[in-house]
């Protein structure tokens, strides 16, 4: 039986995305860049969904129950895991971080 691919987001991902968009829009005063970021991130996630576990795993220094995967979107990185059950694979999007951001404290 073919597994159904589903998509879910952690609330902290939405916080990250909102923070990034607000920075672009309010601090840099570039609403177009903020809208483009949101569209690009969502498009990259949707494109990855059908084959979410077919990419290189992120090698973390921390011991994790599930391996992380990355999607590069401009200066940002989307982090997600794939949760597999008997009937489905869930792509759970967890974080959006700037490429220069210190990820050890996050």
PDB file of N, CA and C in Angstrom:
ATOM      1  N   UNK A   1       0.842  -1.190   0.000  1.00  0.00           N
ATOM      2  CA  UNK A   1       0.000   0.000   0.000  1.00  0.00           C
ATOM      3  C   UNK A   1       0.885   1.251   0.000  1.00  0.00           C
ATOM      4  N   UNK A   2       0.592   2.164  -0.873  1.00  0.00           N
ATOM      5  CA  UNK A   2       1.320   3.422  -0.987  1.00  0.00           C
ATOM      6  C   UNK A   2       1.021   4.306   0.216  1.00  0.00           C
ATOM      7  N   UNK A   3       2.065   4.886   0.783  1.00  0.00           N
ATOM      8  CA  UNK A   3       1.873   5.767   1.938  1.00  0.00           C
ATOM      9  C   UNK A   3       1.413   7.142   1.476  1.00  0.00           C
ATOM     10  N   UNK A   4       0.531   7.726   2.245  1.00  0.00           N
ATOM     11  CA  UNK A   4      -0.001   9.055   1.950  1.00  0.00           C
ATOM     12  C   UNK A   4       0.948  10.084   2.547  1.00  0.00           C
ATOM     13  N   UNK A   5       1.314  11.078   1.762  1.00  0.00           N
ATOM     14  CA  UNK A   5       2.165  12.151   2.256  1.00  0.00           C
ATOM     15  C   UNK A   5       1.302  13.272   2.812  1.00  0.00           C
ATOM     16  N   UNK A   6       1.600  13.655   4.041  1.00  0.00           N
ATOM     17  CA  UNK A   6       0.882  14.754   4.688  1.00  0.00           C
ATOM     18  C   UNK A   6       1.891  15.809   5.116  1.00  0.00           C
ATOM     19  N   UNK A   7       1.388  16.991   5.385  1.00  0.00           N
ATOM     20  CA  UNK A   7       2.225  18.109   5.764  1.00  0.00           C
ATOM     21  C   UNK A   7       1.709  18.710   7.056  1.00  0.00           C
ATOM     22  N   UNK A   8       2.625  18.965   7.991  1.00  0.00           N
ATOM     23  CA  UNK A   8       2.242  19.665   9.219  1.00  0.00           C
ATOM     24  C   UNK A   8       3.350  20.651   9.574  1.00  0.00           C
ATOM     25  N   UNK A   9       2.982  21.646  10.354  1.00  0.00           N
ATOM     26  CA  UNK A   9       3.913  22.696  10.755  1.00  0.00           C
ATOM     27  C   UNK A   9       3.892  22.839  12.269  1.00  0.00           C
ATOM     28  N   UNK A  10       5.059  23.001  12.867  1.00  0.00           N
ATOM     29  CA  UNK A  10       5.110  23.345  14.285  1.00  0.00           C
ATOM     30  C   UNK A  10       4.841  24.839  14.427  1.00  0.00           C
ATOM     31  N   UNK A  11       4.218  25.250  15.528  1.00  0.00           N
ATOM     32  CA  UNK A  11       3.953  26.682  15.730  1.00  0.00           C
ATOM     33  C   UNK A  11       5.223  27.533  15.685  1.00  0.00           C
ATOM     34  N   UNK A  12       6.344  26.993  16.131  1.00  0.00           N
ATOM     35  CA  UNK A  12       7.584  27.770  16.133  1.00  0.00           C
ATOM     36  C   UNK A  12       8.027  28.098  14.700  1.00  0.00           C
ATOM     37  N   UNK A  13       7.688  27.248  13.724  1.00  0.00           N
ATOM     38  CA  UNK A  13       7.993  27.564  12.332  1.00  0.00           C
ATOM     39  C   UNK A  13       7.254  28.827  11.912  1.00  0.00           C
ATOM     40  N   UNK A  14       5.968  28.910  12.264  1.00  0.00           N
ATOM     41  CA  UNK A  14       5.195  30.102  11.926  1.00  0.00           C
ATOM     42  C   UNK A  14       5.775  31.343  12.603  1.00  0.00           C
ATOM     43  N   UNK A  15       6.240  31.192  13.837  1.00  0.00           N
ATOM     44  CA  UNK A  15       6.891  32.306  14.537  1.00  0.00           C
ATOM     45  C   UNK A  15       8.146  32.746  13.791  1.00  0.00           C
ATOM     46  N   UNK A  16       8.952  31.780  13.367  1.00  0.00           N
ATOM     47  CA  UNK A  16      10.176  32.085  12.624  1.00  0.00           C
ATOM     48  C   UNK A  16       9.856  32.827  11.323  1.00  0.00           C
ATOM     49  N   UNK A  17       8.875  32.317  10.586  1.00  0.00           N
ATOM     50  CA  UNK A  17       8.509  32.922   9.304  1.00  0.00           C
ATOM     51  C   UNK A  17       7.962  34.331   9.506  1.00  0.00           C
ATOM     52  N   UNK A  18       7.129  34.500  10.513  1.00  0.00           N
ATOM     53  CA  UNK A  18       6.582  35.830  10.796  1.00  0.00           C
ATOM     54  C   UNK A  18       7.693  36.802  11.183  1.00  0.00           C
ATOM     55  N   UNK A  19       8.634  36.356  11.987  1.00  0.00           N
ATOM     56  CA  UNK A  19       9.763  37.206  12.395  1.00  0.00           C
ATOM     57  C   UNK A  19      10.582  37.655  11.192  1.00  0.00           C
ATOM     58  N   UNK A  20      10.876  36.712  10.319  1.00  0.00           N
ATOM     59  CA  UNK A  20      11.668  37.029   9.130  1.00  0.00           C
ATOM     60  C   UNK A  20      10.911  38.007   8.226  1.00  0.00           C
ATOM     61  N   UNK A  21       9.632  37.758   8.017  1.00  0.00           N
ATOM     62  CA  UNK A  21       8.831  38.634   7.158  1.00  0.00           C
ATOM     63  C   UNK A  21       8.681  40.024   7.773  1.00  0.00           C
ATOM     64  N   UNK A  22       8.490  40.092   9.078  1.00  0.00           N
ATOM     65  CA  UNK A  22       8.388  41.395   9.743  1.00  0.00           C
ATOM     66  C   UNK A  22       9.699  42.180   9.651  1.00  0.00           C
ATOM     67  N   UNK A  23      10.806  41.481   9.795  1.00  0.00           N
ATOM     68  CA  UNK A  23      12.100  42.148   9.671  1.00  0.00           C
ATOM     69  C   UNK A  23      12.256  42.757   8.280  1.00  0.00           C
ATOM     70  N   UNK A  24      11.950  41.971   7.260  1.00  0.00           N
ATOM     71  CA  UNK A  24      12.056  42.479   5.892  1.00  0.00           C
ATOM     72  C   UNK A  24      11.090  43.636   5.644  1.00  0.00           C
ATOM     73  N   UNK A  25       9.882  43.484   6.127  1.00  0.00           N
ATOM     74  CA  UNK A  25       8.846  44.481   5.881  1.00  0.00           C
ATOM     75  C   UNK A  25       9.010  45.738   6.723  1.00  0.00           C
ATOM     76  N   UNK A  26       9.224  45.571   8.033  1.00  0.00           N
ATOM     77  CA  UNK A  26       9.226  46.721   8.945  1.00  0.00           C
ATOM     78  C   UNK A  26      10.598  47.362   9.127  1.00  0.00           C
ATOM     79  N   UNK A  27      11.614  46.550   9.297  1.00  0.00           N
ATOM     80  CA  UNK A  27      12.952  47.100   9.538  1.00  0.00           C
ATOM     81  C   UNK A  27      13.605  47.528   8.227  1.00  0.00           C
ATOM     82  N   UNK A  28      13.595  46.642   7.254  1.00  0.00           N
ATOM     83  CA  UNK A  28      14.205  46.970   5.962  1.00  0.00           C
ATOM     84  C   UNK A  28      13.242  47.706   5.032  1.00  0.00           C
ATOM     85  N   UNK A  29      11.988  47.804   5.435  1.00  0.00           N
ATOM     86  CA  UNK A  29      10.940  48.493   4.670  1.00  0.00           C
ATOM     87  C   UNK A  29      10.825  47.955   3.240  1.00  0.00           C
ATOM     88  N   UNK A  30      10.813  46.636   3.154  1.00  0.00           N
ATOM     89  CA  UNK A  30      10.720  45.987   1.849  1.00  0.00           C
ATOM     90  C   UNK A  30       9.607  44.937   1.896  1.00  0.00           C
ATOM     91  N   UNK A  31       8.374  45.407   1.719  1.00  0.00           N
ATOM     92  CA  UNK A  31       7.218  44.517   1.770  1.00  0.00           C
ATOM     93  C   UNK A  31       7.245  43.479   0.642  1.00  0.00           C
ATOM     94  N   UNK A  32       7.773  43.866  -0.509  1.00  0.00           N
ATOM     95  CA  UNK A  32       7.856  42.917  -1.620  1.00  0.00           C
ATOM     96  C   UNK A  32       8.765  41.741  -1.267  1.00  0.00           C
ATOM     97  N   UNK A  33       9.896  42.020  -0.621  1.00  0.00           N
ATOM     98  CA  UNK A  33      10.814  40.947  -0.219  1.00  0.00           C
ATOM     99  C   UNK A  33      10.158  40.042   0.820  1.00  0.00           C
ATOM    100  N   UNK A  34       9.388  40.624   1.733  1.00  0.00           N
ATOM    101  CA  UNK A  34       8.691  39.833   2.752  1.00  0.00           C
ATOM    102  C   UNK A  34       7.682  38.896   2.102  1.00  0.00           C
ATOM    103  N   UNK A  35       6.901  39.417   1.173  1.00  0.00           N
ATOM    104  CA  UNK A  35       5.915  38.583   0.465  1.00  0.00           C
ATOM    105  C   UNK A  35       6.601  37.515  -0.378  1.00  0.00           C
ATOM    106  N   UNK A  36       7.705  37.870  -1.020  1.00  0.00           N
ATOM    107  CA  UNK A  36       8.446  36.903  -1.832  1.00  0.00           C
ATOM    108  C   UNK A  36       9.006  35.786  -0.959  1.00  0.00           C
ATOM    109  N   UNK A  37       9.494  36.137   0.229  1.00  0.00           N
ATOM    110  CA  UNK A  37      10.014  35.114   1.138  1.00  0.00           C
ATOM    111  C   UNK A  37       8.921  34.123   1.507  1.00  0.00           C
ATOM    112  N   UNK A  38       7.769  34.620   1.894  1.00  0.00           N
ATOM    113  CA  UNK A  38       6.656  33.738   2.279  1.00  0.00           C
ATOM    114  C   UNK A  38       6.264  32.826   1.117  1.00  0.00           C
ATOM    115  N   UNK A  39       6.117  33.403  -0.073  1.00  0.00           N
ATOM    116  CA  UNK A  39       5.749  32.610  -1.250  1.00  0.00           C
ATOM    117  C   UNK A  39       6.823  31.580  -1.598  1.00  0.00           C
ATOM    118  N   UNK A  40       8.084  31.984  -1.511  1.00  0.00           N
ATOM    119  CA  UNK A  40       9.185  31.077  -1.860  1.00  0.00           C
ATOM    120  C   UNK A  40       9.299  29.923  -0.878  1.00  0.00           C
ATOM    121  N   UNK A  41       9.138  30.210   0.399  1.00  0.00           N
ATOM    122  CA  UNK A  41       9.212  29.167   1.420  1.00  0.00           C
ATOM    123  C   UNK A  41       8.071  28.169   1.227  1.00  0.00           C
ATOM    124  N   UNK A  42       6.867  28.660   1.057  1.00  0.00           N
ATOM    125  CA  UNK A  42       5.725  27.760   0.873  1.00  0.00           C
ATOM    126  C   UNK A  42       5.869  26.945  -0.408  1.00  0.00           C
ATOM    127  N   UNK A  43       6.332  27.574  -1.478  1.00  0.00           N
ATOM    128  CA  UNK A  43       6.531  26.859  -2.736  1.00  0.00           C
ATOM    129  C   UNK A  43       7.580  25.757  -2.616  1.00  0.00           C
ATOM    130  N   UNK A  44       8.682  26.048  -1.915  1.00  0.00           N
ATOM    131  CA  UNK A  44       9.748  25.064  -1.737  1.00  0.00           C
ATOM    132  C   UNK A  44       9.266  23.877  -0.902  1.00  0.00           C
ATOM    133  N   UNK A  45       8.469  24.153   0.117  1.00  0.00           N
ATOM    134  CA  UNK A  45       7.932  23.083   0.960  1.00  0.00           C
ATOM    135  C   UNK A  45       6.974  22.205   0.157  1.00  0.00           C
ATOM    136  N   UNK A  46       6.080  22.809  -0.593  1.00  0.00           N
ATOM    137  CA  UNK A  46       5.117  22.042  -1.403  1.00  0.00           C
ATOM    138  C   UNK A  46       5.827  21.200  -2.457  1.00  0.00           C
ATOM    139  N   UNK A  47       6.876  21.749  -3.043  1.00  0.00           N
ATOM    140  CA  UNK A  47       7.631  21.020  -4.062  1.00  0.00           C
ATOM    141  C   UNK A  47       8.334  19.802  -3.458  1.00  0.00           C
ATOM    142  N   UNK A  48       8.798  19.929  -2.224  1.00  0.00           N
ATOM    143  CA  UNK A  48       9.538  18.856  -1.558  1.00  0.00           C
ATOM    144  C   UNK A  48       8.616  17.764  -1.011  1.00  0.00           C
ATOM    145  N   UNK A  49       7.360  18.082  -0.717  1.00  0.00           N
ATOM    146  CA  UNK A  49       6.443  17.169  -0.037  1.00  0.00           C
ATOM    147  C   UNK A  49       6.371  15.760  -0.640  1.00  0.00           C
ATOM    148  N   UNK A  50       6.192  15.595  -1.955  1.00  0.00           N
ATOM    149  CA  UNK A  50       6.027  14.234  -2.488  1.00  0.00           C
ATOM    150  C   UNK A  50       7.242  13.324  -2.282  1.00  0.00           C
ATOM    151  N   UNK A  51       8.411  13.906  -2.085  1.00  0.00           N
ATOM    152  CA  UNK A  51       9.629  13.103  -1.949  1.00  0.00           C
ATOM    153  C   UNK A  51      10.460  13.581  -0.758  1.00  0.00           C
ATOM    154  N   UNK A  52       9.785  13.935   0.308  1.00  0.00           N
ATOM    155  CA  UNK A  52      10.416  14.602   1.448  1.00  0.00           C
ATOM    156  C   UNK A  52      11.543  13.832   2.103  1.00  0.00           C
ATOM    157  N   UNK A  53      11.524  12.514   2.020  1.00  0.00           N
ATOM    158  CA  UNK A  53      12.580  11.720   2.670  1.00  0.00           C
ATOM    159  C   UNK A  53      13.638  11.220   1.689  1.00  0.00           C
ATOM    160  N   UNK A  54      13.651  11.746   0.493  1.00  0.00           N
ATOM    161  CA  UNK A  54      14.586  11.298  -0.537  1.00  0.00           C
ATOM    162  C   UNK A  54      15.799  12.204  -0.691  1.00  0.00           C
ATOM    163  N   UNK A  55      16.048  13.041   0.303  1.00  0.00           N
ATOM    164  CA  UNK A  55      17.149  13.990   0.244  1.00  0.00           C
ATOM    165  C   UNK A  55      18.174  13.689   1.324  1.00  0.00           C
ATOM    166  N   UNK A  56      19.320  14.345   1.226  1.00  0.00           N
ATOM    167  CA  UNK A  56      20.375  14.132   2.205  1.00  0.00           C
ATOM    168  C   UNK A  56      19.917  14.578   3.590  1.00  0.00           C
ATOM    169  N   UNK A  57      20.213  13.753   4.576  1.00  0.00           N
ATOM    170  CA  UNK A  57      19.872  14.078   5.958  1.00  0.00           C
ATOM    171  C   UNK A  57      20.877  15.082   6.504  1.00  0.00           C
ATOM    172  N   UNK A  58      20.396  15.947   7.376  1.00  0.00           N
ATOM    173  CA  UNK A  58      21.245  16.935   8.037  1.00  0.00           C
ATOM    174  C   UNK A  58      21.987  16.240   9.171  1.00  0.00           C
ATOM    175  N   UNK A  59      23.292  16.353   9.169  1.00  0.00           N
ATOM    176  CA  UNK A  59      24.116  15.721  10.198  1.00  0.00           C
ATOM    177  C   UNK A  59      24.246  16.656  11.388  1.00  0.00           C
ATOM    178  N   UNK A  60      23.473  16.381  12.407  1.00  0.00           N
ATOM    179  CA  UNK A  60      23.424  17.211  13.608  1.00  0.00           C
ATOM    180  C   UNK A  60      24.433  16.704  14.635  1.00  0.00           C
ATOM    181  N   UNK A  61      24.955  17.632  15.431  1.00  0.00           N
ATOM    182  CA  UNK A  61      25.854  17.221  16.515  1.00  0.00           C
ATOM    183  C   UNK A  61      25.056  16.698  17.705  1.00  0.00           C
ATOM    184  N   UNK A  62      23.763  16.986  17.725  1.00  0.00           N
ATOM    185  CA  UNK A  62      22.889  16.499  18.790  1.00  0.00           C
ATOM    186  C   UNK A  62      22.301  15.150  18.390  1.00  0.00           C
ATOM    187  N   UNK A  63      22.072  14.314  19.371  1.00  0.00           N
ATOM    188  CA  UNK A  63      21.406  13.040  19.132  1.00  0.00           C
ATOM    189  C   UNK A  63      19.909  13.305  19.003  1.00  0.00           C
ATOM    190  N   UNK A  64      19.332  12.946  17.877  1.00  0.00           N
ATOM    191  CA  UNK A  64      17.923  13.228  17.618  1.00  0.00           C
ATOM    192  C   UNK A  64      17.178  11.933  17.309  1.00  0.00           C
ATOM    193  N   UNK A  65      15.923  11.905  17.739  1.00  0.00           N
ATOM    194  CA  UNK A  65      15.080  10.736  17.492  1.00  0.00           C
ATOM    195  C   UNK A  65      14.812  10.558  15.992  1.00  0.00           C
ATOM    196  N   UNK A  66      14.574  11.667  15.309  1.00  0.00           N
ATOM    197  CA  UNK A  66      14.310  11.649  13.874  1.00  0.00           C
ATOM    198  C   UNK A  66      15.361  12.501  13.162  1.00  0.00           C
ATOM    199  N   UNK A  67      15.821  12.069  11.999  1.00  0.00           N
ATOM    200  CA  UNK A  67      16.782  12.899  11.264  1.00  0.00           C
ATOM    201  C   UNK A  67      16.110  14.137  10.680  1.00  0.00           C
ATOM    202  N   UNK A  68      16.866  15.205  10.618  1.00  0.00           N
ATOM    203  CA  UNK A  68      16.393  16.449  10.025  1.00  0.00           C
ATOM    204  C   UNK A  68      16.825  16.525   8.566  1.00  0.00           C
ATOM    205  N   UNK A  69      16.026  17.226   7.789  1.00  0.00           N
ATOM    206  CA  UNK A  69      16.330  17.538   6.398  1.00  0.00           C
ATOM    207  C   UNK A  69      16.289  19.054   6.260  1.00  0.00           C
ATOM    208  N   UNK A  70      16.926  19.561   5.193  1.00  0.00           N
ATOM    209  CA  UNK A  70      16.966  21.007   4.972  1.00  0.00           C
ATOM    210  C   UNK A  70      16.474  21.357   3.573  1.00  0.00           C
ATOM    211  N   UNK A  71      15.894  22.544   3.492  1.00  0.00           N
ATOM    212  CA  UNK A  71      15.544  23.148   2.205  1.00  0.00           C
ATOM    213  C   UNK A  71      16.130  24.556   2.236  1.00  0.00           C
ATOM    214  N   UNK A  72      16.948  24.876   1.257  1.00  0.00           N
ATOM    215  CA  UNK A  72      17.524  26.214   1.171  1.00  0.00           C
ATOM    216  C   UNK A  72      16.602  27.108   0.345  1.00  0.00           C
ATOM    217  N   UNK A  73      16.236  28.250   0.945  1.00  0.00           N
ATOM    218  CA  UNK A  73      15.375  29.228   0.270  1.00  0.00           C
ATOM    219  C   UNK A  73      16.029  30.595   0.449  1.00  0.00           C
ATOM    220  N   UNK A  74      16.743  31.032  -0.569  1.00  0.00           N
ATOM    221  CA  UNK A  74      17.464  32.303  -0.460  1.00  0.00           C
ATOM    222  C   UNK A  74      18.442  32.256   0.699  1.00  0.00           C
ATOM    223  N   UNK A  75      18.339  33.213   1.602  1.00  0.00           N
ATOM    224  CA  UNK A  75      19.215  33.277   2.772  1.00  0.00           C
ATOM    225  C   UNK A  75      18.674  32.492   3.962  1.00  0.00           C
ATOM    226  N   UNK A  76      17.656  31.705   3.753  1.00  0.00           N
ATOM    227  CA  UNK A  76      17.012  30.974   4.840  1.00  0.00           C
ATOM    228  C   UNK A  76      17.092  29.473   4.617  1.00  0.00           C
ATOM    229  N   UNK A  77      16.959  28.751   5.711  1.00  0.00           N
ATOM    230  CA  UNK A  77      16.950  27.290   5.663  1.00  0.00           C
ATOM    231  C   UNK A  77      15.709  26.805   6.401  1.00  0.00           C
ATOM    232  N   UNK A  78      14.940  25.964   5.734  1.00  0.00           N
ATOM    233  CA  UNK A  78      13.777  25.316   6.336  1.00  0.00           C
ATOM    234  C   UNK A  78      14.251  23.962   6.853  1.00  0.00           C
ATOM    235  N   UNK A  79      13.953  23.657   8.112  1.00  0.00           N
ATOM    236  CA  UNK A  79      14.293  22.368   8.709  1.00  0.00           C
ATOM    237  C   UNK A  79      13.011  21.567   8.925  1.00  0.00           C
ATOM    238  N   UNK A  80      13.061  20.295   8.557  1.00  0.00           N
ATOM    239  CA  UNK A  80      11.890  19.433   8.734  1.00  0.00           C
ATOM    240  C   UNK A  80      12.323  18.008   9.044  1.00  0.00           C
ATOM    241  N   UNK A  81      11.380  17.228   9.544  1.00  0.00           N
ATOM    242  CA  UNK A  81      11.574  15.799   9.773  1.00  0.00           C
ATOM    243  C   UNK A  81      10.466  15.055   9.038  1.00  0.00           C
ATOM    244  N   UNK A  82      10.673  13.760   8.849  1.00  0.00           N
ATOM    245  CA  UNK A  82       9.642  12.908   8.251  1.00  0.00           C
ATOM    246  C   UNK A  82       9.252  11.875   9.298  1.00  0.00           C
ATOM    247  N   UNK A  83       7.980  11.892   9.656  1.00  0.00           N
ATOM    248  CA  UNK A  83       7.429  10.955  10.633  1.00  0.00           C
ATOM    249  C   UNK A  83       6.666   9.896   9.846  1.00  0.00           C
ATOM    250  N   UNK A  84       7.112   8.652   9.973  1.00  0.00           N
ATOM    251  CA  UNK A  84       6.519   7.582   9.182  1.00  0.00           C
ATOM    252  C   UNK A  84       5.712   6.646  10.070  1.00  0.00           C
ATOM    253  N   UNK A  85       4.467   6.407   9.674  1.00  0.00           N
ATOM    254  CA  UNK A  85       3.608   5.433  10.338  1.00  0.00           C
ATOM    255  C   UNK A  85       3.318   4.321   9.330  1.00  0.00           C
ATOM    256  N   UNK A  86       2.460   3.405   9.703  1.00  0.00           N
ATOM    257  CA  UNK A  86       2.117   2.316   8.788  1.00  0.00           C
ATOM    258  C   UNK A  86       1.406   2.795   7.536  1.00  0.00           C
ATOM    259  N   UNK A  87       0.628   3.863   7.653  1.00  0.00           N
ATOM    260  CA  UNK A  87      -0.192   4.289   6.523  1.00  0.00           C
ATOM    261  C   UNK A  87       0.208   5.620   5.895  1.00  0.00           C
ATOM    262  N   UNK A  88       1.092   6.374   6.557  1.00  0.00           N
ATOM    263  CA  UNK A  88       1.398   7.701   6.018  1.00  0.00           C
ATOM    264  C   UNK A  88       2.800   8.162   6.383  1.00  0.00           C
ATOM    265  N   UNK A  89       3.247   9.128   5.606  1.00  0.00           N
ATOM    266  CA  UNK A  89       4.485   9.840   5.898  1.00  0.00           C
ATOM    267  C   UNK A  89       4.103  11.300   6.107  1.00  0.00           C
ATOM    268  N   UNK A  90       4.511  11.847   7.241  1.00  0.00           N
ATOM    269  CA  UNK A  90       4.191  13.232   7.560  1.00  0.00           C
ATOM    270  C   UNK A  90       5.466  14.055   7.499  1.00  0.00           C
ATOM    271  N   UNK A  91       5.464  15.054   6.650  1.00  0.00           N
ATOM    272  CA  UNK A  91       6.564  16.007   6.596  1.00  0.00           C
ATOM    273  C   UNK A  91       6.233  17.094   7.603  1.00  0.00           C
ATOM    274  N   UNK A  92       6.954  17.095   8.723  1.00  0.00           N
ATOM    275  CA  UNK A  92       6.694  18.063   9.789  1.00  0.00           C
ATOM    276  C   UNK A  92       7.741  19.167   9.703  1.00  0.00           C
ATOM    277  N   UNK A  93       7.306  20.349   9.306  1.00  0.00           N
ATOM    278  CA  UNK A  93       8.196  21.497   9.154  1.00  0.00           C
ATOM    279  C   UNK A  93       8.375  22.122  10.534  1.00  0.00           C
ATOM    280  N   UNK A  94       9.633  22.240  10.945  1.00  0.00           N
ATOM    281  CA  UNK A  94       9.903  22.634  12.323  1.00  0.00           C
ATOM    282  C   UNK A  94      10.467  24.035  12.488  1.00  0.00           C
ATOM    283  N   UNK A  95      11.409  24.443  11.649  1.00  0.00           N
ATOM    284  CA  UNK A  95      12.047  25.745  11.855  1.00  0.00           C
ATOM    285  C   UNK A  95      12.368  26.403  10.520  1.00  0.00           C
ATOM    286  N   UNK A  96      12.493  27.726  10.564  1.00  0.00           N
ATOM    287  CA  UNK A  96      13.009  28.539   9.469  1.00  0.00           C
ATOM    288  C   UNK A  96      14.063  29.439  10.093  1.00  0.00           C
ATOM    289  N   UNK A  97      15.302  29.270   9.691  1.00  0.00           N
ATOM    290  CA  UNK A  97      16.393  30.056  10.267  1.00  0.00           C
ATOM    291  C   UNK A  97      17.192  30.725   9.169  1.00  0.00           C
ATOM    292  N   UNK A  98      17.725  31.888   9.477  1.00  0.00           N
ATOM    293  CA  UNK A  98      18.609  32.576   8.539  1.00  0.00           C
ATOM    294  C   UNK A  98      19.908  31.793   8.448  1.00  0.00           C
ATOM    295  N   UNK A  99      20.527  31.779   7.288  1.00  0.00           N
ATOM    296  CA  UNK A  99      21.763  31.004   7.086  1.00  0.00           C
ATOM    297  C   UNK A  99      22.890  31.437   8.011  1.00  0.00           C
ATOM    298  N   UNK A 100      22.916  32.702   8.415  1.00  0.00           N
ATOM    299  CA  UNK A 100      23.979  33.201   9.278  1.00  0.00           C
ATOM    300  C   UNK A 100      23.638  33.088  10.773  1.00  0.00           C
ATOM    301  N   UNK A 101      22.441  32.661  11.060  1.00  0.00           N
ATOM    302  CA  UNK A 101      21.986  32.544  12.448  1.00  0.00           C
ATOM    303  C   UNK A 101      22.703  31.396  13.156  1.00  0.00           C
ATOM    304  N   UNK A 102      23.065  31.621  14.410  1.00  0.00           N
ATOM    305  CA  UNK A 102      23.710  30.587  15.212  1.00  0.00           C
ATOM    306  C   UNK A 102      22.656  29.517  15.553  1.00  0.00           C
ATOM    307  N   UNK A 103      22.816  28.343  14.978  1.00  0.00           N
ATOM    308  CA  UNK A 103      21.816  27.284  15.153  1.00  0.00           C
ATOM    309  C   UNK A 103      22.065  26.442  16.401  1.00  0.00           C
ATOM    310  N   UNK A 104      23.200  26.588  17.041  1.00  0.00           N
ATOM    311  CA  UNK A 104      23.499  25.791  18.231  1.00  0.00           C
ATOM    312  C   UNK A 104      22.596  26.146  19.413  1.00  0.00           C
ATOM    313  N   UNK A 105      22.136  27.386  19.465  1.00  0.00           N
ATOM    314  CA  UNK A 105      21.300  27.834  20.578  1.00  0.00           C
ATOM    315  C   UNK A 105      19.815  27.688  20.296  1.00  0.00           C
ATOM    316  N   UNK A 106      19.464  27.190  19.121  1.00  0.00           N
ATOM    317  CA  UNK A 106      18.054  27.112  18.719  1.00  0.00           C
ATOM    318  C   UNK A 106      17.561  25.701  18.873  1.00  0.00           C
TER     319      UNK A 106
END
